Amino acid sequence: MRALNSPRPAQVRFDPDRPGCPGQVDGEAVESLRESWLVEDRWWTARPLRRRYWELVGVRGRNVVVFHDLCSGRWFVQAG
């Protein structure tokens, strides 16, 4: 049994024409950016949470949410 909406590792590449926005997620090009936000939580604990999220639309019309874990440097897709 696993939790719903568990993040999974992702391959993210940046497009030089769109600085600061992922240009490709797991091999699919990004058509547009819907939203981006920063989450900082548990800063008072030994394991703080710092993530930059992007809600994107792929070229096939699929919505995808990815985040960059700013503590570990790793990328994840927030699965539905």
Protein backbone atom coordinates (compact mmCIF):
# COMPACT_ATOMS: atom_id res chain seq x y z
CA MET A 1 0.00 0.00 0.00
CA ARG A 2 1.27 3.49 -0.85
CA ALA A 3 -0.03 6.97 -0.21
CA LEU A 4 -2.02 8.67 -2.95
CA ASN A 5 -0.39 11.60 -4.68
CA SER A 6 3.12 10.41 -3.76
CA PRO A 7 5.87 12.28 -5.57
CA ARG A 8 8.11 10.30 -7.90
CA PRO A 9 11.57 11.26 -9.21
CA ALA A 10 11.56 13.25 -12.45
CA GLN A 11 13.99 14.22 -15.19
CA VAL A 12 13.72 17.97 -15.75
CA ARG A 13 15.54 20.01 -18.39
CA PHE A 14 15.49 23.76 -18.78
CA ASP A 15 14.86 25.63 -22.02
CA PRO A 16 17.30 28.52 -22.55
CA ASP A 17 14.47 30.50 -24.20
CA ARG A 18 12.46 30.36 -20.93
CA PRO A 19 14.85 31.10 -18.07
CA GLY A 20 13.70 29.79 -14.70
CA CYS A 21 10.96 27.54 -16.12
CA PRO A 22 11.30 23.83 -16.89
CA GLY A 23 11.30 23.20 -20.64
CA GLN A 24 10.97 19.42 -20.52
CA VAL A 25 9.68 16.92 -17.93
CA ASP A 26 10.41 13.21 -18.35
CA GLY A 27 11.02 13.69 -22.07
CA GLU A 28 7.85 15.71 -22.79
CA ALA A 29 8.27 19.33 -23.86
CA VAL A 30 6.46 21.99 -21.85
CA GLU A 31 3.90 24.05 -23.77
CA SER A 32 3.13 26.59 -21.05
CA LEU A 33 3.51 27.54 -17.41
CA ARG A 34 0.29 27.85 -15.43
CA GLU A 35 1.68 28.76 -12.02
CA SER A 36 4.80 28.65 -9.84
CA TRP A 37 5.09 28.89 -6.07
CA LEU A 38 7.52 28.33 -3.19
CA VAL A 39 6.77 26.23 -0.10
CA GLU A 40 8.86 26.62 3.04
CA ASP A 41 7.70 24.60 6.03
CA ARG A 42 9.05 22.82 9.09
CA TRP A 43 11.87 25.38 9.27
CA TRP A 44 11.90 24.90 13.03
CA THR A 45 12.76 21.17 12.76
CA ALA A 46 15.89 19.21 11.88
CA ARG A 47 14.26 18.36 8.51
CA PRO A 48 12.93 21.57 6.98
CA LEU A 49 10.94 21.47 3.75
CA ARG A 50 11.83 23.89 0.92
CA ARG A 51 10.32 23.27 -2.50
CA ARG A 52 9.76 25.30 -5.67
CA TYR A 53 6.68 24.05 -7.54
CA TRP A 54 5.63 24.53 -11.17
CA GLU A 55 2.24 23.67 -12.64
CA LEU A 56 2.88 23.06 -16.33
CA VAL A 57 1.05 22.02 -19.49
CA GLY A 58 2.87 19.57 -21.76
CA VAL A 59 2.73 19.63 -25.55
CA ARG A 60 0.22 16.73 -25.44
CA GLY A 61 -2.11 18.86 -23.28
CA ARG A 62 -1.35 17.02 -20.03
CA ASN A 63 -1.18 19.07 -16.81
CA VAL A 64 1.79 18.20 -14.64
CA VAL A 65 3.06 19.52 -11.32
CA VAL A 66 6.80 19.24 -10.69
CA PHE A 67 8.86 20.44 -7.78
CA HIS A 68 12.51 21.02 -7.06
CA ASP A 69 13.46 19.99 -3.53
CA LEU A 70 15.72 22.89 -2.58
CA CYS A 71 17.25 20.94 0.31
CA SER A 72 18.31 17.85 -1.67
CA GLY A 73 18.51 19.38 -5.16
CA ARG A 74 16.33 16.57 -6.58
CA TRP A 75 13.32 16.92 -8.92
CA PHE A 76 9.94 15.21 -8.53
CA VAL A 77 6.61 14.91 -10.31
CA GLN A 78 3.64 15.22 -7.98
CA ALA A 79 1.58 12.28 -9.22
CA GLY A 80 -2.21 12.30 -9.21
